[in-house]
Amino acid sequence: MNLSISGRHLEVTPAIREYVLNKMSRVSRHFDNVIDTQVILSIERLKHTAEVTMRLRGKDIHCAASDENLYAAIDLLADKIDRQVIKYKTKVQDHSHEPVKRQSVPAVE
């Protein structure tokens, strides 16, 4: 998984980079077909925002979370992206292994 972390109006420190890397590794436990992940952290007056765009095979997933604390925003973001990846994974698995349903037609006598 390629992970790029960038910051708007803030410098991404090694501690923040390690924290984001740790949280995003949770997603790879559930689903390991992630092509690319881009995380953007931004700070406005009293609002810290974390956004992620995750490229999967056949789909791009985008999430955003805001909080007064940057680490809390990253936690919320990790929870959201985790739920969306699990949802995508179950949809892919359900459709690929589901047999074709055929309706039985009653015999006419």
C-alpha atoms as a PDB file:
ATOM      1  CA  MET A   1       0.000   0.000   0.000  1.00  0.00           C
ATOM      2  CA  ASN A   2       1.403   3.372  -1.028  1.00  0.00           C
ATOM      3  CA  LEU A   3       0.659   5.961   1.638  1.00  0.00           C
ATOM      4  CA  SER A   4       1.222   9.668   1.124  1.00  0.00           C
ATOM      5  CA  ILE A   5       0.595  12.167   3.913  1.00  0.00           C
ATOM      6  CA  SER A   6       0.431  15.891   3.306  1.00  0.00           C
ATOM      7  CA  GLY A   7      -0.534  18.859   5.429  1.00  0.00           C
ATOM      8  CA  ARG A   8      -2.327  22.108   4.736  1.00  0.00           C
ATOM      9  CA  HIS A   9      -1.275  24.916   7.051  1.00  0.00           C
ATOM     10  CA  LEU A  10       0.731  22.513   9.199  1.00  0.00           C
ATOM     11  CA  GLU A  11       3.986  20.633   9.089  1.00  0.00           C
ATOM     12  CA  VAL A  12       3.639  16.867   9.225  1.00  0.00           C
ATOM     13  CA  THR A  13       5.953  15.809  12.038  1.00  0.00           C
ATOM     14  CA  PRO A  14       7.368  12.295  12.378  1.00  0.00           C
ATOM     15  CA  ALA A  15       5.028  11.696  15.347  1.00  0.00           C
ATOM     16  CA  ILE A  16       1.950  12.609  13.285  1.00  0.00           C
ATOM     17  CA  ARG A  17       3.231  10.536  10.350  1.00  0.00           C
ATOM     18  CA  GLU A  18       3.727   7.493  12.607  1.00  0.00           C
ATOM     19  CA  TYR A  19       0.271   7.937  14.171  1.00  0.00           C
ATOM     20  CA  VAL A  20      -1.440   8.104  10.754  1.00  0.00           C
ATOM     21  CA  LEU A  21       0.555   5.122   9.495  1.00  0.00           C
ATOM     22  CA  ASN A  22      -0.448   3.120  12.578  1.00  0.00           C
ATOM     23  CA  LYS A  23      -4.141   3.967  12.149  1.00  0.00           C
ATOM     24  CA  MET A  24      -4.209   3.287   8.401  1.00  0.00           C
ATOM     25  CA  SER A  25      -2.554  -0.112   8.904  1.00  0.00           C
ATOM     26  CA  ARG A  26      -5.823  -1.175  10.575  1.00  0.00           C
ATOM     27  CA  VAL A  27      -7.488  -1.075   7.170  1.00  0.00           C
ATOM     28  CA  SER A  28      -4.928  -3.436   5.664  1.00  0.00           C
ATOM     29  CA  ARG A  29      -5.804  -6.024   8.322  1.00  0.00           C
ATOM     30  CA  HIS A  30      -9.318  -6.233   6.872  1.00  0.00           C
ATOM     31  CA  PHE A  31      -8.586  -5.708   3.208  1.00  0.00           C
ATOM     32  CA  ASP A  32      -5.194  -6.011   1.555  1.00  0.00           C
ATOM     33  CA  ASN A  33      -6.110  -5.015  -2.016  1.00  0.00           C
ATOM     34  CA  VAL A  34      -5.491  -1.308  -1.380  1.00  0.00           C
ATOM     35  CA  ILE A  35      -3.621   0.299  -4.289  1.00  0.00           C
ATOM     36  CA  ASP A  36      -2.966   3.790  -2.997  1.00  0.00           C
ATOM     37  CA  THR A  37      -3.859   5.936   0.017  1.00  0.00           C
ATOM     38  CA  GLN A  38      -3.604   9.695   0.248  1.00  0.00           C
ATOM     39  CA  VAL A  39      -4.107  11.464   3.596  1.00  0.00           C
ATOM     40  CA  ILE A  40      -4.490  15.239   3.837  1.00  0.00           C
ATOM     41  CA  LEU A  41      -4.363  16.916   7.250  1.00  0.00           C
ATOM     42  CA  SER A  42      -5.442  20.531   7.593  1.00  0.00           C
ATOM     43  CA  ILE A  43      -5.852  23.081  10.342  1.00  0.00           C
ATOM     44  CA  GLU A  44      -8.220  26.031  10.350  1.00  0.00           C
ATOM     45  CA  ARG A  45      -8.983  28.204  13.357  1.00  0.00           C
ATOM     46  CA  LEU A  46     -10.553  25.755  15.793  1.00  0.00           C
ATOM     47  CA  LYS A  47     -11.174  22.903  13.395  1.00  0.00           C
ATOM     48  CA  HIS A  48      -8.675  20.185  12.563  1.00  0.00           C
ATOM     49  CA  THR A  49      -9.629  18.143   9.533  1.00  0.00           C
ATOM     50  CA  ALA A  50      -8.316  14.820   8.273  1.00  0.00           C
ATOM     51  CA  GLU A  51      -9.247  13.514   4.817  1.00  0.00           C
ATOM     52  CA  VAL A  52      -8.356  10.278   3.097  1.00  0.00           C
ATOM     53  CA  THR A  53      -8.785   9.021  -0.448  1.00  0.00           C
ATOM     54  CA  MET A  54      -8.206   5.307  -0.791  1.00  0.00           C
ATOM     55  CA  ARG A  55      -7.949   3.692  -4.216  1.00  0.00           C
ATOM     56  CA  LEU A  56      -9.155   0.111  -4.367  1.00  0.00           C
ATOM     57  CA  ARG A  57      -9.571  -2.097  -7.395  1.00  0.00           C
ATOM     58  CA  GLY A  58     -12.651  -0.733  -9.112  1.00  0.00           C
ATOM     59  CA  LYS A  59     -13.503   1.978  -6.573  1.00  0.00           C
ATOM     60  CA  ASP A  60     -12.192   5.075  -4.819  1.00  0.00           C
ATOM     61  CA  ILE A  61     -13.288   5.681  -1.238  1.00  0.00           C
ATOM     62  CA  HIS A  62     -13.150   9.167   0.258  1.00  0.00           C
ATOM     63  CA  CYS A  63     -13.689  10.106   3.915  1.00  0.00           C
ATOM     64  CA  ALA A  64     -13.293  13.248   5.971  1.00  0.00           C
ATOM     65  CA  ALA A  65     -13.458  13.883   9.701  1.00  0.00           C
ATOM     66  CA  SER A  66     -13.159  17.046  11.789  1.00  0.00           C
ATOM     67  CA  ASP A  67     -12.527  17.682  15.457  1.00  0.00           C
ATOM     68  CA  GLU A  68     -10.927  20.231  17.772  1.00  0.00           C
ATOM     69  CA  ASN A  69      -7.917  17.933  18.192  1.00  0.00           C
ATOM     70  CA  LEU A  70      -5.909  16.600  15.224  1.00  0.00           C
ATOM     71  CA  TYR A  71      -5.356  13.175  16.781  1.00  0.00           C
ATOM     72  CA  ALA A  72      -9.078  12.823  17.513  1.00  0.00           C
ATOM     73  CA  ALA A  73      -9.842  13.742  13.897  1.00  0.00           C
ATOM     74  CA  ILE A  74      -7.419  11.038  12.728  1.00  0.00           C
ATOM     75  CA  ASP A  75      -9.127   8.523  15.043  1.00  0.00           C
ATOM     76  CA  LEU A  76     -12.563   9.404  13.648  1.00  0.00           C
ATOM     77  CA  LEU A  77     -11.199   9.160  10.130  1.00  0.00           C
ATOM     78  CA  ALA A  78      -9.707   5.726  10.756  1.00  0.00           C
ATOM     79  CA  ASP A  79     -13.045   4.486  12.105  1.00  0.00           C
ATOM     80  CA  LYS A  80     -14.960   5.831   9.101  1.00  0.00           C
ATOM     81  CA  ILE A  81     -12.613   4.454   6.470  1.00  0.00           C
ATOM     82  CA  ASP A  82     -12.498   1.114   8.275  1.00  0.00           C
ATOM     83  CA  ARG A  83     -16.298   0.827   8.146  1.00  0.00           C
ATOM     84  CA  GLN A  84     -16.421   1.787   4.471  1.00  0.00           C
ATOM     85  CA  VAL A  85     -13.705  -0.691   3.489  1.00  0.00           C
ATOM     86  CA  ILE A  86     -15.463  -3.509   5.364  1.00  0.00           C
ATOM     87  CA  LYS A  87     -18.727  -2.574   3.630  1.00  0.00           C
ATOM     88  CA  TYR A  88     -17.017  -2.596   0.224  1.00  0.00           C
ATOM     89  CA  LYS A  89     -15.338  -5.920   0.980  1.00  0.00           C
ATOM     90  CA  THR A  90     -18.625  -7.608   1.930  1.00  0.00           C
ATOM     91  CA  LYS A  91     -20.302  -6.274  -1.221  1.00  0.00           C
ATOM     92  CA  VAL A  92     -17.517  -7.620  -3.412  1.00  0.00           C
ATOM     93  CA  GLN A  93     -17.552 -10.994  -1.675  1.00  0.00           C
ATOM     94  CA  ASP A  94     -21.342 -11.314  -1.749  1.00  0.00           C
ATOM     95  CA  HIS A  95     -21.589 -10.624  -5.456  1.00  0.00           C
ATOM     96  CA  SER A  96     -18.700 -12.785  -6.539  1.00  0.00           C
ATOM     97  CA  HIS A  97     -19.792 -15.935  -4.702  1.00  0.00           C
ATOM     98  CA  GLU A  98     -23.561 -15.672  -4.953  1.00  0.00           C
ATOM     99  CA  PRO A  99     -25.135 -18.232  -7.276  1.00  0.00           C
ATOM    100  CA  VAL A 100     -27.614 -17.102  -9.877  1.00  0.00           C
ATOM    101  CA  LYS A 101     -31.129 -17.341  -8.480  1.00  0.00           C
ATOM    102  CA  ARG A 102     -33.613 -18.934 -10.806  1.00  0.00           C
ATOM    103  CA  GLN A 103     -37.309 -18.948 -10.168  1.00  0.00           C
ATOM    104  CA  SER A 104     -39.082 -22.215 -10.600  1.00  0.00           C
ATOM    105  CA  VAL A 105     -42.027 -22.123 -12.939  1.00  0.00           C
ATOM    106  CA  PRO A 106     -44.983 -24.270 -11.874  1.00  0.00           C
ATOM    107  CA  ALA A 107     -45.837 -27.064 -14.308  1.00  0.00           C
ATOM    108  CA  VAL A 108     -48.996 -26.479 -16.293  1.00  0.00           C
ATOM    109  CA  GLU A 109     -51.177 -29.576 -16.789  1.00  0.00           C
END
